[in-house]
Amino acid sequence: MSGFALAGDTVQQLPPGAETVQIMGKTYWHSGDNFYRFNEDTGMFYQVPQPTVQAHKDRAAHMYQRSQTVPATSLTADQIDGCRNAAADKSNAVPNRGSSVYIQEYNKCVSDLQQ
């Protein structure tokens, strides 16, 4: 089993081809179905569960809203999702202040679409 890490196991070297990804302002390394974080204290990588972003609404339960507008915004659910995705992309680029960038970019996007 050399070269493979079980959940929570540490590894000194990432698998070949592992890519760095930013998710919600945190740096992960991704290889295949596995995600890793780096522990600066030990100098080791450790496998972590796949990072997730908790959705505001369960998409499956609200698919009927796709053609409806979101109250108080006059925007469709697809437009709101687009603003969320665009804001997330920009906030991931600046992990040290990602949450404030997300809010700023999301609000700007919604405002632009409402004009």
PDB file of N, CA and C in Angstrom:
ATOM      1  N   MET A   1       0.823  -1.197   0.000  1.00  0.00           N
ATOM      2  CA  MET A   1       0.000   0.000   0.000  1.00  0.00           C
ATOM      3  C   MET A   1       0.863   1.256   0.000  1.00  0.00           C
ATOM      4  N   SER A   2       2.081   1.148  -0.376  1.00  0.00           N
ATOM      5  CA  SER A   2       2.971   2.304  -0.407  1.00  0.00           C
ATOM      6  C   SER A   2       2.456   3.336  -1.399  1.00  0.00           C
ATOM      7  N   GLY A   3       2.500   4.615  -0.974  1.00  0.00           N
ATOM      8  CA  GLY A   3       2.064   5.689  -1.861  1.00  0.00           C
ATOM      9  C   GLY A   3       0.602   6.049  -1.710  1.00  0.00           C
ATOM     10  N   PHE A   4      -0.151   5.265  -0.944  1.00  0.00           N
ATOM     11  CA  PHE A   4      -1.561   5.563  -0.748  1.00  0.00           C
ATOM     12  C   PHE A   4      -1.781   6.002   0.692  1.00  0.00           C
ATOM     13  N   ALA A   5      -2.706   6.899   0.903  1.00  0.00           N
ATOM     14  CA  ALA A   5      -3.007   7.374   2.253  1.00  0.00           C
ATOM     15  C   ALA A   5      -4.478   7.151   2.547  1.00  0.00           C
ATOM     16  N   LEU A   6      -4.745   6.625   3.710  1.00  0.00           N
ATOM     17  CA  LEU A   6      -6.121   6.488   4.150  1.00  0.00           C
ATOM     18  C   LEU A   6      -6.539   7.794   4.800  1.00  0.00           C
ATOM     19  N   ALA A   7      -7.852   8.016   4.933  1.00  0.00           N
ATOM     20  CA  ALA A   7      -8.344   9.272   5.504  1.00  0.00           C
ATOM     21  C   ALA A   7      -7.633   9.571   6.818  1.00  0.00           C
ATOM     22  N   GLY A   8      -7.064  10.749   6.910  1.00  0.00           N
ATOM     23  CA  GLY A   8      -6.378  11.157   8.113  1.00  0.00           C
ATOM     24  C   GLY A   8      -4.915  10.782   8.154  1.00  0.00           C
ATOM     25  N   ASP A   9      -4.467   9.891   7.281  1.00  0.00           N
ATOM     26  CA  ASP A   9      -3.060   9.503   7.251  1.00  0.00           C
ATOM     27  C   ASP A   9      -2.210  10.656   6.745  1.00  0.00           C
ATOM     28  N   THR A  10      -0.955  10.681   7.179  1.00  0.00           N
ATOM     29  CA  THR A  10      -0.044  11.708   6.702  1.00  0.00           C
ATOM     30  C   THR A  10       0.869  11.124   5.641  1.00  0.00           C
ATOM     31  N   VAL A  11       1.302  11.977   4.735  1.00  0.00           N
ATOM     32  CA  VAL A  11       2.246  11.584   3.691  1.00  0.00           C
ATOM     33  C   VAL A  11       3.290  12.682   3.562  1.00  0.00           C
ATOM     34  N   GLN A  12       4.525  12.300   3.281  1.00  0.00           N
ATOM     35  CA  GLN A  12       5.576  13.291   3.111  1.00  0.00           C
ATOM     36  C   GLN A  12       5.556  13.885   1.713  1.00  0.00           C
ATOM     37  N   GLN A  13       5.039  13.112   0.770  1.00  0.00           N
ATOM     38  CA  GLN A  13       5.040  13.553  -0.617  1.00  0.00           C
ATOM     39  C   GLN A  13       3.676  13.291  -1.228  1.00  0.00           C
ATOM     40  N   LEU A  14       3.193  14.271  -1.974  1.00  0.00           N
ATOM     41  CA  LEU A  14       1.900  14.124  -2.638  1.00  0.00           C
ATOM     42  C   LEU A  14       2.019  13.192  -3.831  1.00  0.00           C
ATOM     43  N   PRO A  15       0.905  12.574  -4.229  1.00  0.00           N
ATOM     44  CA  PRO A  15       0.939  11.734  -5.430  1.00  0.00           C
ATOM     45  C   PRO A  15       1.328  12.565  -6.651  1.00  0.00           C
ATOM     46  N   PRO A  16       1.953  11.948  -7.631  1.00  0.00           N
ATOM     47  CA  PRO A  16       2.305  12.681  -8.858  1.00  0.00           C
ATOM     48  C   PRO A  16       1.056  13.303  -9.487  1.00  0.00           C
ATOM     49  N   GLY A  17       1.183  14.540  -9.946  1.00  0.00           N
ATOM     50  CA  GLY A  17       0.076  15.210 -10.616  1.00  0.00           C
ATOM     51  C   GLY A  17      -0.900  15.906  -9.688  1.00  0.00           C
ATOM     52  N   ALA A  18      -0.650  15.911  -8.385  1.00  0.00           N
ATOM     53  CA  ALA A  18      -1.553  16.602  -7.453  1.00  0.00           C
ATOM     54  C   ALA A  18      -1.578  18.090  -7.791  1.00  0.00           C
ATOM     55  N   GLU A  19      -2.764  18.665  -7.763  1.00  0.00           N
ATOM     56  CA  GLU A  19      -2.944  20.075  -8.126  1.00  0.00           C
ATOM     57  C   GLU A  19      -3.363  20.881  -6.904  1.00  0.00           C
ATOM     58  N   THR A  20      -2.872  22.100  -6.816  1.00  0.00           N
ATOM     59  CA  THR A  20      -3.263  23.012  -5.748  1.00  0.00           C
ATOM     60  C   THR A  20      -4.600  23.648  -6.106  1.00  0.00           C
ATOM     61  N   VAL A  21      -5.537  23.653  -5.153  1.00  0.00           N
ATOM     62  CA  VAL A  21      -6.835  24.289  -5.352  1.00  0.00           C
ATOM     63  C   VAL A  21      -7.166  25.146  -4.137  1.00  0.00           C
ATOM     64  N   GLN A  22      -7.887  26.228  -4.370  1.00  0.00           N
ATOM     65  CA  GLN A  22      -8.363  27.105  -3.303  1.00  0.00           C
ATOM     66  C   GLN A  22      -9.861  26.896  -3.164  1.00  0.00           C
ATOM     67  N   ILE A  23     -10.303  26.548  -1.966  1.00  0.00           N
ATOM     68  CA  ILE A  23     -11.726  26.356  -1.717  1.00  0.00           C
ATOM     69  C   ILE A  23     -12.076  27.117  -0.448  1.00  0.00           C
ATOM     70  N   MET A  24     -12.941  28.103  -0.587  1.00  0.00           N
ATOM     71  CA  MET A  24     -13.378  28.933   0.533  1.00  0.00           C
ATOM     72  C   MET A  24     -12.185  29.511   1.302  1.00  0.00           C
ATOM     73  N   GLY A  25     -11.178  29.961   0.555  1.00  0.00           N
ATOM     74  CA  GLY A  25     -10.034  30.625   1.152  1.00  0.00           C
ATOM     75  C   GLY A  25      -8.987  29.705   1.752  1.00  0.00           C
ATOM     76  N   LYS A  26      -9.147  28.402   1.603  1.00  0.00           N
ATOM     77  CA  LYS A  26      -8.171  27.453   2.134  1.00  0.00           C
ATOM     78  C   LYS A  26      -7.480  26.736   0.983  1.00  0.00           C
ATOM     79  N   THR A  27      -6.202  26.416   1.177  1.00  0.00           N
ATOM     80  CA  THR A  27      -5.436  25.725   0.149  1.00  0.00           C
ATOM     81  C   THR A  27      -5.510  24.224   0.373  1.00  0.00           C
ATOM     82  N   TYR A  28      -5.859  23.510  -0.680  1.00  0.00           N
ATOM     83  CA  TYR A  28      -5.895  22.050  -0.675  1.00  0.00           C
ATOM     84  C   TYR A  28      -5.068  21.556  -1.850  1.00  0.00           C
ATOM     85  N   TRP A  29      -4.646  20.316  -1.775  1.00  0.00           N
ATOM     86  CA  TRP A  29      -4.031  19.641  -2.920  1.00  0.00           C
ATOM     87  C   TRP A  29      -4.975  18.521  -3.293  1.00  0.00           C
ATOM     88  N   HIS A  30      -5.225  18.390  -4.586  1.00  0.00           N
ATOM     89  CA  HIS A  30      -6.227  17.453  -5.100  1.00  0.00           C
ATOM     90  C   HIS A  30      -5.558  16.474  -6.041  1.00  0.00           C
ATOM     91  N   SER A  31      -5.805  15.196  -5.812  1.00  0.00           N
ATOM     92  CA  SER A  31      -5.294  14.145  -6.689  1.00  0.00           C
ATOM     93  C   SER A  31      -6.328  13.037  -6.754  1.00  0.00           C
ATOM     94  N   GLY A  32      -6.853  12.798  -7.961  1.00  0.00           N
ATOM     95  CA  GLY A  32      -7.900  11.779  -8.098  1.00  0.00           C
ATOM     96  C   GLY A  32      -9.120  12.162  -7.279  1.00  0.00           C
ATOM     97  N   ASP A  33      -9.552  11.261  -6.401  1.00  0.00           N
ATOM     98  CA  ASP A  33     -10.687  11.530  -5.521  1.00  0.00           C
ATOM     99  C   ASP A  33     -10.245  12.030  -4.147  1.00  0.00           C
ATOM    100  N   ASN A  34      -8.951  12.258  -3.962  1.00  0.00           N
ATOM    101  CA  ASN A  34      -8.418  12.601  -2.654  1.00  0.00           C
ATOM    102  C   ASN A  34      -8.022  14.070  -2.540  1.00  0.00           C
ATOM    103  N   PHE A  35      -8.207  14.614  -1.340  1.00  0.00           N
ATOM    104  CA  PHE A  35      -7.807  15.980  -1.026  1.00  0.00           C
ATOM    105  C   PHE A  35      -6.841  15.938   0.141  1.00  0.00           C
ATOM    106  N   TYR A  36      -5.874  16.847   0.118  1.00  0.00           N
ATOM    107  CA  TYR A  36      -4.852  16.902   1.152  1.00  0.00           C
ATOM    108  C   TYR A  36      -4.687  18.335   1.641  1.00  0.00           C
ATOM    109  N   ARG A  37      -4.265  18.490   2.909  1.00  0.00           N
ATOM    110  CA  ARG A  37      -3.871  19.776   3.484  1.00  0.00           C
ATOM    111  C   ARG A  37      -2.439  19.621   3.958  1.00  0.00           C
ATOM    112  N   PHE A  38      -1.759  20.733   4.166  1.00  0.00           N
ATOM    113  CA  PHE A  38      -0.377  20.709   4.633  1.00  0.00           C
ATOM    114  C   PHE A  38      -0.322  21.200   6.065  1.00  0.00           C
ATOM    115  N   ASN A  39       0.382  20.464   6.927  1.00  0.00           N
ATOM    116  CA  ASN A  39       0.561  20.853   8.320  1.00  0.00           C
ATOM    117  C   ASN A  39       1.961  21.432   8.457  1.00  0.00           C
ATOM    118  N   GLU A  40       2.049  22.754   8.668  1.00  0.00           N
ATOM    119  CA  GLU A  40       3.349  23.421   8.746  1.00  0.00           C
ATOM    120  C   GLU A  40       4.158  22.956   9.948  1.00  0.00           C
ATOM    121  N   ASP A  41       3.483  22.562  11.039  1.00  0.00           N
ATOM    122  CA  ASP A  41       4.199  22.124  12.238  1.00  0.00           C
ATOM    123  C   ASP A  41       4.954  20.818  12.009  1.00  0.00           C
ATOM    124  N   THR A  42       4.337  19.892  11.277  1.00  0.00           N
ATOM    125  CA  THR A  42       4.974  18.583  11.049  1.00  0.00           C
ATOM    126  C   THR A  42       5.674  18.506   9.701  1.00  0.00           C
ATOM    127  N   GLY A  43       5.350  19.441   8.798  1.00  0.00           N
ATOM    128  CA  GLY A  43       5.929  19.386   7.460  1.00  0.00           C
ATOM    129  C   GLY A  43       5.362  18.248   6.625  1.00  0.00           C
ATOM    130  N   MET A  44       4.197  17.762   7.018  1.00  0.00           N
ATOM    131  CA  MET A  44       3.569  16.617   6.344  1.00  0.00           C
ATOM    132  C   MET A  44       2.234  17.038   5.732  1.00  0.00           C
ATOM    133  N   PHE A  45       1.846  16.317   4.689  1.00  0.00           N
ATOM    134  CA  PHE A  45       0.521  16.461   4.118  1.00  0.00           C
ATOM    135  C   PHE A  45      -0.372  15.426   4.794  1.00  0.00           C
ATOM    136  N   TYR A  46      -1.636  15.738   4.938  1.00  0.00           N
ATOM    137  CA  TYR A  46      -2.568  14.758   5.470  1.00  0.00           C
ATOM    138  C   TYR A  46      -3.843  14.777   4.648  1.00  0.00           C
ATOM    139  N   GLN A  47      -4.422  13.601   4.477  1.00  0.00           N
ATOM    140  CA  GLN A  47      -5.630  13.467   3.671  1.00  0.00           C
ATOM    141  C   GLN A  47      -6.822  13.962   4.471  1.00  0.00           C
ATOM    142  N   VAL A  48      -7.698  14.686   3.802  1.00  0.00           N
ATOM    143  CA  VAL A  48      -8.898  15.229   4.428  1.00  0.00           C
ATOM    144  C   VAL A  48     -10.110  14.843   3.587  1.00  0.00           C
ATOM    145  N   PRO A  49     -11.302  14.890   4.185  1.00  0.00           N
ATOM    146  CA  PRO A  49     -12.514  14.655   3.388  1.00  0.00           C
ATOM    147  C   PRO A  49     -12.648  15.733   2.315  1.00  0.00           C
ATOM    148  N   GLN A  50     -13.357  15.408   1.256  1.00  0.00           N
ATOM    149  CA  GLN A  50     -13.552  16.383   0.184  1.00  0.00           C
ATOM    150  C   GLN A  50     -14.234  17.621   0.759  1.00  0.00           C
ATOM    151  N   PRO A  51     -13.636  18.808   0.537  1.00  0.00           N
ATOM    152  CA  PRO A  51     -14.259  20.035   1.044  1.00  0.00           C
ATOM    153  C   PRO A  51     -15.598  20.272   0.354  1.00  0.00           C
ATOM    154  N   THR A  52     -16.540  20.782   1.114  1.00  0.00           N
ATOM    155  CA  THR A  52     -17.859  21.068   0.546  1.00  0.00           C
ATOM    156  C   THR A  52     -18.277  22.469   0.944  1.00  0.00           C
ATOM    157  N   VAL A  53     -19.137  23.037   0.145  1.00  0.00           N
ATOM    158  CA  VAL A  53     -19.733  24.329   0.449  1.00  0.00           C
ATOM    159  C   VAL A  53     -21.204  24.044   0.695  1.00  0.00           C
ATOM    160  N   GLN A  54     -21.665  24.394   1.864  1.00  0.00           N
ATOM    161  CA  GLN A  54     -23.048  24.107   2.194  1.00  0.00           C
ATOM    162  C   GLN A  54     -23.959  25.029   1.406  1.00  0.00           C
ATOM    163  N   ALA A  55     -24.837  24.451   0.658  1.00  0.00           N
ATOM    164  CA  ALA A  55     -25.752  25.231  -0.174  1.00  0.00           C
ATOM    165  C   ALA A  55     -26.798  25.925   0.695  1.00  0.00           C
ATOM    166  N   HIS A  56     -27.192  27.104   0.251  1.00  0.00           N
ATOM    167  CA  HIS A  56     -28.219  27.842   0.977  1.00  0.00           C
ATOM    168  C   HIS A  56     -29.550  27.099   0.924  1.00  0.00           C
ATOM    169  N   LYS A  57     -29.818  26.476  -0.206  1.00  0.00           N
ATOM    170  CA  LYS A  57     -31.062  25.727  -0.378  1.00  0.00           C
ATOM    171  C   LYS A  57     -30.742  24.396  -1.019  1.00  0.00           C
ATOM    172  N   ASP A  58     -31.528  23.421  -0.736  1.00  0.00           N
ATOM    173  CA  ASP A  58     -31.384  22.122  -1.392  1.00  0.00           C
ATOM    174  C   ASP A  58     -31.879  22.275  -2.826  1.00  0.00           C
ATOM    175  N   ARG A  59     -30.949  22.184  -3.774  1.00  0.00           N
ATOM    176  CA  ARG A  59     -31.308  22.427  -5.176  1.00  0.00           C
ATOM    177  C   ARG A  59     -32.395  21.487  -5.689  1.00  0.00           C
ATOM    178  N   ALA A  60     -32.315  20.237  -5.315  1.00  0.00           N
ATOM    179  CA  ALA A  60     -33.299  19.279  -5.813  1.00  0.00           C
ATOM    180  C   ALA A  60     -34.708  19.645  -5.367  1.00  0.00           C
ATOM    181  N   ALA A  61     -34.843  20.146  -4.158  1.00  0.00           N
ATOM    182  CA  ALA A  61     -36.162  20.487  -3.633  1.00  0.00           C
ATOM    183  C   ALA A  61     -36.698  21.784  -4.226  1.00  0.00           C
ATOM    184  N   HIS A  62     -35.839  22.562  -4.864  1.00  0.00           N
ATOM    185  CA  HIS A  62     -36.266  23.867  -5.353  1.00  0.00           C
ATOM    186  C   HIS A  62     -36.064  24.055  -6.853  1.00  0.00           C
ATOM    187  N   MET A  63     -35.982  22.979  -7.604  1.00  0.00           N
ATOM    188  CA  MET A  63     -35.775  23.095  -9.041  1.00  0.00           C
ATOM    189  C   MET A  63     -36.926  23.837  -9.723  1.00  0.00           C
ATOM    190  N   TYR A  64     -38.105  23.776  -9.151  1.00  0.00           N
ATOM    191  CA  TYR A  64     -39.242  24.469  -9.753  1.00  0.00           C
ATOM    192  C   TYR A  64     -39.040  25.980  -9.761  1.00  0.00           C
ATOM    193  N   GLN A  65     -38.144  26.503  -8.940  1.00  0.00           N
ATOM    194  CA  GLN A  65     -37.927  27.939  -8.881  1.00  0.00           C
ATOM    195  C   GLN A  65     -37.059  28.450 -10.023  1.00  0.00           C
ATOM    196  N   ARG A  66     -36.507  27.580 -10.839  1.00  0.00           N
ATOM    197  CA  ARG A  66     -35.581  28.008 -11.875  1.00  0.00           C
ATOM    198  C   ARG A  66     -36.171  29.064 -12.795  1.00  0.00           C
ATOM    199  N   SER A  67     -37.462  28.998 -13.036  1.00  0.00           N
ATOM    200  CA  SER A  67     -38.056  29.977 -13.935  1.00  0.00           C
ATOM    201  C   SER A  67     -38.722  31.124 -13.172  1.00  0.00           C
ATOM    202  N   GLN A  68     -38.766  31.019 -11.856  1.00  0.00           N
ATOM    203  CA  GLN A  68     -39.376  32.059 -11.046  1.00  0.00           C
ATOM    204  C   GLN A  68     -38.313  33.057 -10.601  1.00  0.00           C
ATOM    205  N   THR A  69     -38.763  34.219 -10.229  1.00  0.00           N
ATOM    206  CA  THR A  69     -37.818  35.210  -9.711  1.00  0.00           C
ATOM    207  C   THR A  69     -37.673  35.028  -8.206  1.00  0.00           C
ATOM    208  N   VAL A  70     -36.528  35.460  -7.690  1.00  0.00           N
ATOM    209  CA  VAL A  70     -36.284  35.397  -6.255  1.00  0.00           C
ATOM    210  C   VAL A  70     -36.892  36.648  -5.633  1.00  0.00           C
ATOM    211  N   PRO A  71     -37.749  36.494  -4.617  1.00  0.00           N
ATOM    212  CA  PRO A  71     -38.406  37.654  -4.010  1.00  0.00           C
ATOM    213  C   PRO A  71     -37.384  38.706  -3.579  1.00  0.00           C
ATOM    214  N   ALA A  72     -37.752  39.950  -3.714  1.00  0.00           N
ATOM    215  CA  ALA A  72     -36.973  41.121  -3.307  1.00  0.00           C
ATOM    216  C   ALA A  72     -35.789  41.425  -4.214  1.00  0.00           C
ATOM    217  N   THR A  73     -35.536  40.603  -5.236  1.00  0.00           N
ATOM    218  CA  THR A  73     -34.419  40.902  -6.132  1.00  0.00           C
ATOM    219  C   THR A  73     -34.844  41.045  -7.579  1.00  0.00           C
ATOM    220  N   SER A  74     -35.958  40.471  -7.953  1.00  0.00           N
ATOM    221  CA  SER A  74     -36.449  40.409  -9.329  1.00  0.00           C
ATOM    222  C   SER A  74     -35.502  39.632 -10.235  1.00  0.00           C
ATOM    223  N   LEU A  75     -34.636  38.793  -9.653  1.00  0.00           N
ATOM    224  CA  LEU A  75     -33.700  37.970 -10.425  1.00  0.00           C
ATOM    225  C   LEU A  75     -34.122  36.512 -10.350  1.00  0.00           C
ATOM    226  N   THR A  76     -33.762  35.763 -11.377  1.00  0.00           N
ATOM    227  CA  THR A  76     -34.064  34.335 -11.360  1.00  0.00           C
ATOM    228  C   THR A  76     -33.045  33.606 -10.482  1.00  0.00           C
ATOM    229  N   ALA A  77     -33.383  32.397 -10.093  1.00  0.00           N
ATOM    230  CA  ALA A  77     -32.475  31.575  -9.289  1.00  0.00           C
ATOM    231  C   ALA A  77     -31.164  31.326 -10.047  1.00  0.00           C
ATOM    232  N   ASP A  78     -31.243  31.177 -11.373  1.00  0.00           N
ATOM    233  CA  ASP A  78     -30.026  30.981 -12.171  1.00  0.00           C
ATOM    234  C   ASP A  78     -29.124  32.209 -12.114  1.00  0.00           C
ATOM    235  N   GLN A  79     -29.720  33.402 -12.139  1.00  0.00           N
ATOM    236  CA  GLN A  79     -28.921  34.625 -12.054  1.00  0.00           C
ATOM    237  C   GLN A  79     -28.258  34.735 -10.678  1.00  0.00           C
ATOM    238  N   ILE A  80     -28.989  34.399  -9.637  1.00  0.00           N
ATOM    239  CA  ILE A  80     -28.433  34.420  -8.277  1.00  0.00           C
ATOM    240  C   ILE A  80     -27.277  33.422  -8.181  1.00  0.00           C
ATOM    241  N   ASP A  81     -27.477  32.208  -8.717  1.00  0.00           N
ATOM    242  CA  ASP A  81     -26.403  31.197  -8.707  1.00  0.00           C
ATOM    243  C   ASP A  81     -25.179  31.703  -9.466  1.00  0.00           C
ATOM    244  N   GLY A  82     -25.409  32.384 -10.568  1.00  0.00           N
ATOM    245  CA  GLY A  82     -24.302  32.935 -11.339  1.00  0.00           C
ATOM    246  C   GLY A  82     -23.512  33.955 -10.529  1.00  0.00           C
ATOM    247  N   CYS A  83     -24.225  34.805  -9.795  1.00  0.00           N
ATOM    248  CA  CYS A  83     -23.553  35.789  -8.937  1.00  0.00           C
ATOM    249  C   CYS A  83     -22.778  35.093  -7.823  1.00  0.00           C
ATOM    250  N   ARG A  84     -23.361  34.062  -7.250  1.00  0.00           N
ATOM    251  CA  ARG A  84     -22.662  33.314  -6.198  1.00  0.00           C
ATOM    252  C   ARG A  84     -21.379  32.693  -6.736  1.00  0.00           C
ATOM    253  N   ASN A  85     -21.473  32.079  -7.908  1.00  0.00           N
ATOM    254  CA  ASN A  85     -20.296  31.430  -8.492  1.00  0.00           C
ATOM    255  C   ASN A  85     -19.209  32.440  -8.854  1.00  0.00           C
ATOM    256  N   ALA A  86     -19.604  33.558  -9.438  1.00  0.00           N
ATOM    257  CA  ALA A  86     -18.632  34.585  -9.809  1.00  0.00           C
ATOM    258  C   ALA A  86     -17.961  35.161  -8.562  1.00  0.00           C
ATOM    259  N   ALA A  87     -18.747  35.402  -7.524  1.00  0.00           N
ATOM    260  CA  ALA A  87     -18.188  35.937  -6.278  1.00  0.00           C
ATOM    261  C   ALA A  87     -17.247  34.926  -5.627  1.00  0.00           C
ATOM    262  N   ALA A  88     -17.604  33.656  -5.676  1.00  0.00           N
ATOM    263  CA  ALA A  88     -16.743  32.612  -5.093  1.00  0.00           C
ATOM    264  C   ALA A  88     -15.413  32.529  -5.836  1.00  0.00           C
ATOM    265  N   ASP A  89     -15.452  32.629  -7.163  1.00  0.00           N
ATOM    266  CA  ASP A  89     -14.207  32.597  -7.942  1.00  0.00           C
ATOM    267  C   ASP A  89     -13.282  33.741  -7.546  1.00  0.00           C
ATOM    268  N   LYS A  90     -13.846  34.923  -7.399  1.00  0.00           N
ATOM    269  CA  LYS A  90     -13.015  36.083  -7.040  1.00  0.00           C
ATOM    270  C   LYS A  90     -12.519  35.995  -5.598  1.00  0.00           C
ATOM    271  N   SER A  91     -13.352  35.484  -4.696  1.00  0.00           N
ATOM    272  CA  SER A  91     -12.927  35.395  -3.292  1.00  0.00           C
ATOM    273  C   SER A  91     -11.858  34.325  -3.105  1.00  0.00           C
ATOM    274  N   ASN A  92     -11.898  33.261  -3.883  1.00  0.00           N
ATOM    275  CA  ASN A  92     -10.877  32.214  -3.783  1.00  0.00           C
ATOM    276  C   ASN A  92      -9.507  32.718  -4.210  1.00  0.00           C
ATOM    277  N   ALA A  93      -9.481  33.766  -5.013  1.00  0.00           N
ATOM    278  CA  ALA A  93      -8.206  34.317  -5.483  1.00  0.00           C
ATOM    279  C   ALA A  93      -7.482  35.106  -4.390  1.00  0.00           C
ATOM    280  N   VAL A  94      -8.197  35.488  -3.347  1.00  0.00           N
ATOM    281  CA  VAL A  94      -7.592  36.256  -2.250  1.00  0.00           C
ATOM    282  C   VAL A  94      -7.993  35.629  -0.906  1.00  0.00           C
ATOM    283  N   PRO A  95      -7.370  34.499  -0.541  1.00  0.00           N
ATOM    284  CA  PRO A  95      -7.805  33.751   0.637  1.00  0.00           C
ATOM    285  C   PRO A  95      -7.719  34.521   1.953  1.00  0.00           C
ATOM    286  N   ASN A  96      -6.822  35.497   2.049  1.00  0.00           N
ATOM    287  CA  ASN A  96      -6.697  36.219   3.313  1.00  0.00           C
ATOM    288  C   ASN A  96      -7.859  37.170   3.586  1.00  0.00           C
ATOM    289  N   ARG A  97      -8.626  37.515   2.572  1.00  0.00           N
ATOM    290  CA  ARG A  97      -9.811  38.362   2.773  1.00  0.00           C
ATOM    291  C   ARG A  97     -10.963  37.909   1.885  1.00  0.00           C
ATOM    292  N   GLY A  98     -11.029  36.610   1.669  1.00  0.00           N
ATOM    293  CA  GLY A  98     -12.027  36.044   0.760  1.00  0.00           C
ATOM    294  C   GLY A  98     -13.464  36.331   1.118  1.00  0.00           C
ATOM    295  N   SER A  99     -13.816  36.283   2.416  1.00  0.00           N
ATOM    296  CA  SER A  99     -15.223  36.476   2.768  1.00  0.00           C
ATOM    297  C   SER A  99     -15.690  37.900   2.467  1.00  0.00           C
ATOM    298  N   SER A 100     -14.849  38.899   2.717  1.00  0.00           N
ATOM    299  CA  SER A 100     -15.272  40.270   2.412  1.00  0.00           C
ATOM    300  C   SER A 100     -15.332  40.493   0.902  1.00  0.00           C
ATOM    301  N   VAL A 101     -14.422  39.861   0.160  1.00  0.00           N
ATOM    302  CA  VAL A 101     -14.453  39.955  -1.306  1.00  0.00           C
ATOM    303  C   VAL A 101     -15.713  39.286  -1.840  1.00  0.00           C
ATOM    304  N   TYR A 102     -16.077  38.123  -1.279  1.00  0.00           N
ATOM    305  CA  TYR A 102     -17.284  37.417  -1.717  1.00  0.00           C
ATOM    306  C   TYR A 102     -18.511  38.315  -1.563  1.00  0.00           C
ATOM    307  N   ILE A 103     -18.683  38.889  -0.388  1.00  0.00           N
ATOM    308  CA  ILE A 103     -19.853  39.732  -0.125  1.00  0.00           C
ATOM    309  C   ILE A 103     -19.884  40.924  -1.071  1.00  0.00           C
ATOM    310  N   GLN A 104     -18.743  41.569  -1.238  1.00  0.00           N
ATOM    311  CA  GLN A 104     -18.660  42.743  -2.111  1.00  0.00           C
ATOM    312  C   GLN A 104     -18.992  42.373  -3.559  1.00  0.00           C
ATOM    313  N   GLU A 105     -18.399  41.306  -4.057  1.00  0.00           N
ATOM    314  CA  GLU A 105     -18.620  40.904  -5.453  1.00  0.00           C
ATOM    315  C   GLU A 105     -20.042  40.395  -5.680  1.00  0.00           C
ATOM    316  N   TYR A 106     -20.584  39.652  -4.718  1.00  0.00           N
ATOM    317  CA  TYR A 106     -21.961  39.163  -4.839  1.00  0.00           C
ATOM    318  C   TYR A 106     -22.937  40.340  -4.907  1.00  0.00           C
ATOM    319  N   ASN A 107     -22.794  41.278  -3.985  1.00  0.00           N
ATOM    320  CA  ASN A 107     -23.690  42.444  -3.971  1.00  0.00           C
ATOM    321  C   ASN A 107     -23.564  43.266  -5.247  1.00  0.00           C
ATOM    322  N   LYS A 108     -22.343  43.427  -5.743  1.00  0.00           N
ATOM    323  CA  LYS A 108     -22.124  44.181  -6.984  1.00  0.00           C
ATOM    324  C   LYS A 108     -22.813  43.483  -8.151  1.00  0.00           C
ATOM    325  N   CYS A 109     -22.663  42.176  -8.227  1.00  0.00           N
ATOM    326  CA  CYS A 109     -23.271  41.399  -9.315  1.00  0.00           C
ATOM    327  C   CYS A 109     -24.795  41.533  -9.295  1.00  0.00           C
ATOM    328  N   VAL A 110     -25.394  41.361  -8.117  1.00  0.00           N
ATOM    329  CA  VAL A 110     -26.854  41.470  -7.997  1.00  0.00           C
ATOM    330  C   VAL A 110     -27.310  42.875  -8.386  1.00  0.00           C
ATOM    331  N   SER A 111     -26.593  43.879  -7.897  1.00  0.00           N
ATOM    332  CA  SER A 111     -26.953  45.275  -8.230  1.00  0.00           C
ATOM    333  C   SER A 111     -26.870  45.531  -9.729  1.00  0.00           C
ATOM    334  N   ASP A 112     -25.788  45.031 -10.354  1.00  0.00           N
ATOM    335  CA  ASP A 112     -25.621  45.213 -11.800  1.00  0.00           C
ATOM    336  C   ASP A 112     -26.764  44.558 -12.580  1.00  0.00           C
ATOM    337  N   LEU A 113     -27.177  43.375 -12.161  1.00  0.00           N
ATOM    338  CA  LEU A 113     -28.256  42.676 -12.866  1.00  0.00           C
ATOM    339  C   LEU A 113     -29.609  43.355 -12.664  1.00  0.00           C
ATOM    340  N   GLN A 114     -29.789  44.031 -11.556  1.00  0.00           N
ATOM    341  CA  GLN A 114     -31.072  44.683 -11.280  1.00  0.00           C
ATOM    342  C   GLN A 114     -31.232  45.994 -12.037  1.00  0.00           C
ATOM    343  N   GLN A 115     -30.150  46.524 -12.591  1.00  0.00           N
ATOM    344  CA  GLN A 115     -30.241  47.810 -13.297  1.00  0.00           C
ATOM    345  C   GLN A 115     -30.748  47.635 -14.699  1.00  0.00           C
TER     346      GLN A 115
END
